[in-house]
């Protein structure tokens, strides 16, 4: 089975080491457009709130400004600043989530001792890498399952270990298509020399 046409996954396979680099894939679907619009709107509100805070702050620093005016502007500023910080926090969170979703990459490395799956954003690790002992991997499993956030079933790649339950490693969705996942399952099972088990899923796509 060959790598699907158009796939940007980078595969490096040697006798003692296999490495997969799976780039994030931006898909301009309705959810992505909604998130981008929301982030843009919040960022615009942040700029307006910052401008208002600056506008209110300038008279407070002028010695000739009336005391009553300063008190009124100070009270108004006490509401503007927390609102600005709250908006800024939300904007940064949404922006980071979008960057994580559309710019991060997944890296899988396997040698004769360890399987490692990690996510990276701008060269930095995202969360703790997942580690498995290579010798404990007994077979690769490809199955379909219903994710609570998905309307249609997803296809996942799992690794069954000798002493524990199967561990779900990758699934179709943001980063992988079903054809790419099938191809990866075949490559991993061949390199590890273990069986490939499927849940009534055709793996003979070319």
Protein backbone atom coordinates (compact mmCIF):
# COMPACT_ATOMS: atom_id res chain seq x y z
CA UNK A 1 0.00 0.00 0.00
CA UNK A 2 1.50 3.33 -1.11
CA UNK A 3 1.33 6.67 0.64
CA UNK A 4 -1.90 8.41 -0.41
CA UNK A 5 -1.57 11.04 -3.11
CA UNK A 6 -1.31 14.55 -1.69
CA UNK A 7 -0.30 13.37 1.77
CA UNK A 8 2.32 15.59 3.42
CA UNK A 9 3.32 13.07 6.07
CA UNK A 10 7.09 12.59 6.17
CA UNK A 11 8.24 9.02 6.75
CA UNK A 12 11.84 8.07 7.46
CA UNK A 13 12.38 4.34 7.89
CA UNK A 14 15.69 2.74 8.79
CA UNK A 15 16.59 -0.64 10.20
CA UNK A 16 16.91 0.70 13.75
CA UNK A 17 14.57 3.69 13.71
CA UNK A 18 11.32 4.89 12.17
CA UNK A 19 10.14 8.51 12.29
CA UNK A 20 6.83 10.02 11.19
CA UNK A 21 6.16 13.74 11.03
CA UNK A 22 2.45 14.53 10.66
CA UNK A 23 1.80 18.22 9.94
CA UNK A 24 -1.41 19.88 11.03
CA UNK A 25 -3.88 20.43 8.23
CA UNK A 26 -5.92 23.62 8.05
CA UNK A 27 -9.41 22.82 6.87
CA UNK A 28 -11.59 25.90 6.29
CA UNK A 29 -14.77 24.21 7.48
CA UNK A 30 -17.65 25.96 9.24
CA UNK A 31 -16.18 25.37 12.70
CA UNK A 32 -12.79 26.79 11.70
CA UNK A 33 -14.38 29.87 10.08
CA UNK A 34 -16.51 30.41 13.20
CA UNK A 35 -13.45 30.20 15.44
CA UNK A 36 -11.45 32.58 13.25
CA UNK A 37 -14.33 35.06 13.19
CA UNK A 38 -14.73 34.84 16.97
CA UNK A 39 -11.01 35.37 17.52
CA UNK A 40 -11.00 38.35 15.17
CA UNK A 41 -14.02 39.91 16.88
CA UNK A 42 -12.54 39.50 20.37
CA UNK A 43 -9.19 40.91 19.25
CA UNK A 44 -11.01 43.95 17.83
CA UNK A 45 -12.82 44.44 21.14
CA UNK A 46 -9.48 44.19 22.96
CA UNK A 47 -8.04 46.97 20.80
CA UNK A 48 -11.10 49.15 21.45
CA UNK A 49 -10.91 48.51 25.21
CA UNK A 50 -7.19 49.33 25.27
CA UNK A 51 -7.83 52.54 23.33
CA UNK A 52 -10.58 53.50 25.80
CA UNK A 53 -8.30 52.78 28.76
CA UNK A 54 -5.60 55.03 27.27
CA UNK A 55 -8.20 57.75 26.56
CA UNK A 56 -9.37 57.65 30.17
CA UNK A 57 -5.85 57.52 31.59
CA UNK A 58 -4.43 60.62 29.88
CA UNK A 59 -6.56 63.22 31.79
CA UNK A 60 -5.63 61.56 35.10
CA UNK A 61 -1.98 62.46 34.51
CA UNK A 62 -2.69 66.12 33.71
CA UNK A 63 -2.29 68.34 36.83
CA UNK A 64 -4.88 70.87 35.68
CA UNK A 65 -7.69 68.33 35.35
CA UNK A 66 -10.53 68.89 37.79
CA UNK A 67 -10.66 66.52 40.80
CA UNK A 68 -14.25 65.49 40.11
CA UNK A 69 -13.34 64.62 36.54
CA UNK A 70 -10.40 62.58 37.76
CA UNK A 71 -12.61 60.67 40.19
CA UNK A 72 -15.16 59.93 37.47
CA UNK A 73 -12.51 58.83 34.99
CA UNK A 74 -10.79 56.75 37.69
CA UNK A 75 -14.01 54.90 38.50
CA UNK A 76 -14.66 54.30 34.80
CA UNK A 77 -11.10 53.04 34.37
CA UNK A 78 -11.60 50.57 37.22
CA UNK A 79 -14.25 48.85 35.09
CA UNK A 80 -12.45 49.18 31.77
CA UNK A 81 -9.17 47.57 32.88
CA UNK A 82 -10.67 44.29 34.25
CA UNK A 83 -12.86 44.05 31.15
CA UNK A 84 -9.81 44.58 28.94
CA UNK A 85 -7.80 41.93 30.78
CA UNK A 86 -10.72 39.49 30.58
CA UNK A 87 -11.04 40.04 26.83
CA UNK A 88 -7.29 39.77 26.37
CA UNK A 89 -7.22 36.44 28.21
CA UNK A 90 -10.03 35.08 26.02
CA UNK A 91 -8.40 36.34 22.82
CA UNK A 92 -5.05 34.77 23.72
CA UNK A 93 -6.69 31.46 24.59
CA UNK A 94 -8.67 31.27 21.34
CA UNK A 95 -5.66 32.36 19.28
CA UNK A 96 -3.45 29.75 20.93
CA UNK A 97 -6.07 27.04 20.43
CA UNK A 98 -6.30 27.95 16.74
CA UNK A 99 -2.50 27.89 16.40
CA UNK A 100 -2.38 24.54 18.18
CA UNK A 101 -5.12 23.14 15.95
CA UNK A 102 -3.80 24.40 12.63
CA UNK A 103 -0.03 24.82 13.09
CA UNK A 104 1.09 22.07 15.49
CA UNK A 105 2.60 18.84 14.24
CA UNK A 106 2.62 15.29 15.55
CA UNK A 107 5.88 13.34 15.60
CA UNK A 108 6.09 9.58 16.03
CA UNK A 109 9.47 7.95 16.60
CA UNK A 110 10.16 4.26 17.14
CA UNK A 111 13.39 2.48 17.85
CA UNK A 112 14.04 -0.98 19.22
CA UNK A 113 13.45 0.20 22.79
CA UNK A 114 10.70 2.82 22.76
CA UNK A 115 7.71 4.22 20.88
CA UNK A 116 7.22 7.97 21.38
CA UNK A 117 4.33 10.15 20.23
CA UNK A 118 4.60 13.90 20.81
CA UNK A 119 3.04 17.13 19.59
CA UNK A 120 5.00 20.28 18.81
CA UNK A 121 4.03 23.91 18.24
CA UNK A 122 6.67 26.38 17.01
CA UNK A 123 9.34 23.85 17.95
CA UNK A 124 8.07 23.48 21.53
CA UNK A 125 6.55 20.36 23.07
CA UNK A 126 2.76 20.41 23.57
CA UNK A 127 2.02 18.39 26.66
CA UNK A 128 3.79 15.27 27.76
CA UNK A 129 4.94 12.83 25.07
CA UNK A 130 3.34 9.39 25.11
CA UNK A 131 5.84 6.58 25.59
CA UNK A 132 5.44 2.85 25.04
CA UNK A 133 8.01 0.09 25.24
CA UNK A 134 8.53 -1.28 21.75
CA UNK A 135 8.91 -4.87 22.90
CA UNK A 136 5.50 -4.69 24.62
CA UNK A 137 3.64 -3.87 21.38
CA UNK A 138 2.01 -7.13 20.27
CA UNK A 139 -0.15 -5.93 17.37
CA UNK A 140 -1.56 -2.92 15.53
CA UNK A 141 -5.33 -2.47 15.52
CA UNK A 142 -7.39 -0.33 13.15
CA UNK A 143 -11.00 0.11 14.22
CA UNK A 144 -13.92 2.50 13.90
CA UNK A 145 -15.49 4.23 16.90
CA UNK A 146 -18.02 6.93 17.62
CA UNK A 147 -16.39 10.01 19.09
CA UNK A 148 -18.80 12.04 21.27
CA UNK A 149 -17.91 15.26 19.41
CA UNK A 150 -18.17 13.79 15.91
CA UNK A 151 -21.33 13.20 13.88
CA UNK A 152 -19.78 10.34 11.91
CA UNK A 153 -17.63 7.47 13.22
CA UNK A 154 -13.88 8.01 13.27
CA UNK A 155 -11.22 5.50 12.40
CA UNK A 156 -8.43 5.04 14.91
CA UNK A 157 -5.07 3.32 15.08
CA UNK A 158 -4.40 1.48 18.32
CA UNK A 159 -1.48 -0.49 19.68
CA UNK A 160 -2.17 -3.55 21.77
CA UNK A 161 0.34 -4.18 24.55
CA UNK A 162 1.11 -7.52 26.12
CA UNK A 163 0.24 -6.50 29.67
CA UNK A 164 -2.39 -3.77 29.24
CA UNK A 165 -5.42 -2.81 27.18
CA UNK A 166 -4.97 -1.36 23.65
CA UNK A 167 -3.81 2.27 23.51
CA UNK A 168 -5.38 4.61 20.93
CA UNK A 169 -2.55 6.47 19.20
CA UNK A 170 -3.97 8.28 16.19
CA UNK A 171 -7.39 8.87 14.68
CA UNK A 172 -8.96 10.44 11.63
CA UNK A 173 -9.92 14.06 12.00
CA UNK A 174 -7.91 17.24 11.98
CA UNK A 175 -4.53 15.77 11.03
CA UNK A 176 -5.21 12.46 9.30
CA UNK A 177 -7.49 11.17 6.61
CA UNK A 178 -8.75 7.60 6.72
CA UNK A 179 -6.49 6.60 3.80
CA UNK A 180 -3.44 8.06 5.54
CA UNK A 181 -4.24 6.23 8.75
CA UNK A 182 -4.62 2.92 6.92
CA UNK A 183 -1.27 3.47 5.24
CA UNK A 184 0.41 4.33 8.55
CA UNK A 185 -1.04 1.23 10.19
CA UNK A 186 0.48 -0.94 7.46
CA UNK A 187 3.86 0.80 7.72
CA UNK A 188 3.99 0.47 11.51
CA UNK A 189 2.98 -3.19 11.52
CA UNK A 190 5.58 -4.00 8.85
CA UNK A 191 8.38 -2.16 10.67
CA UNK A 192 7.52 -3.65 14.06
CA UNK A 193 6.94 -7.09 12.62
CA UNK A 194 3.58 -7.51 14.39
CA UNK A 195 0.11 -8.44 13.18
CA UNK A 196 -2.29 -5.87 11.77
CA UNK A 197 -5.86 -6.39 13.01
CA UNK A 198 -8.77 -4.59 11.38
CA UNK A 199 -12.36 -4.05 12.46
CA UNK A 200 -14.01 -4.92 9.15
CA UNK A 201 -12.15 -2.06 7.45
CA UNK A 202 -10.78 -2.48 3.94
CA UNK A 203 -7.04 -1.78 3.90
CA UNK A 204 -6.50 -2.54 0.24
CA UNK A 205 -6.84 1.06 -1.02
CA UNK A 206 -4.16 2.01 -3.48
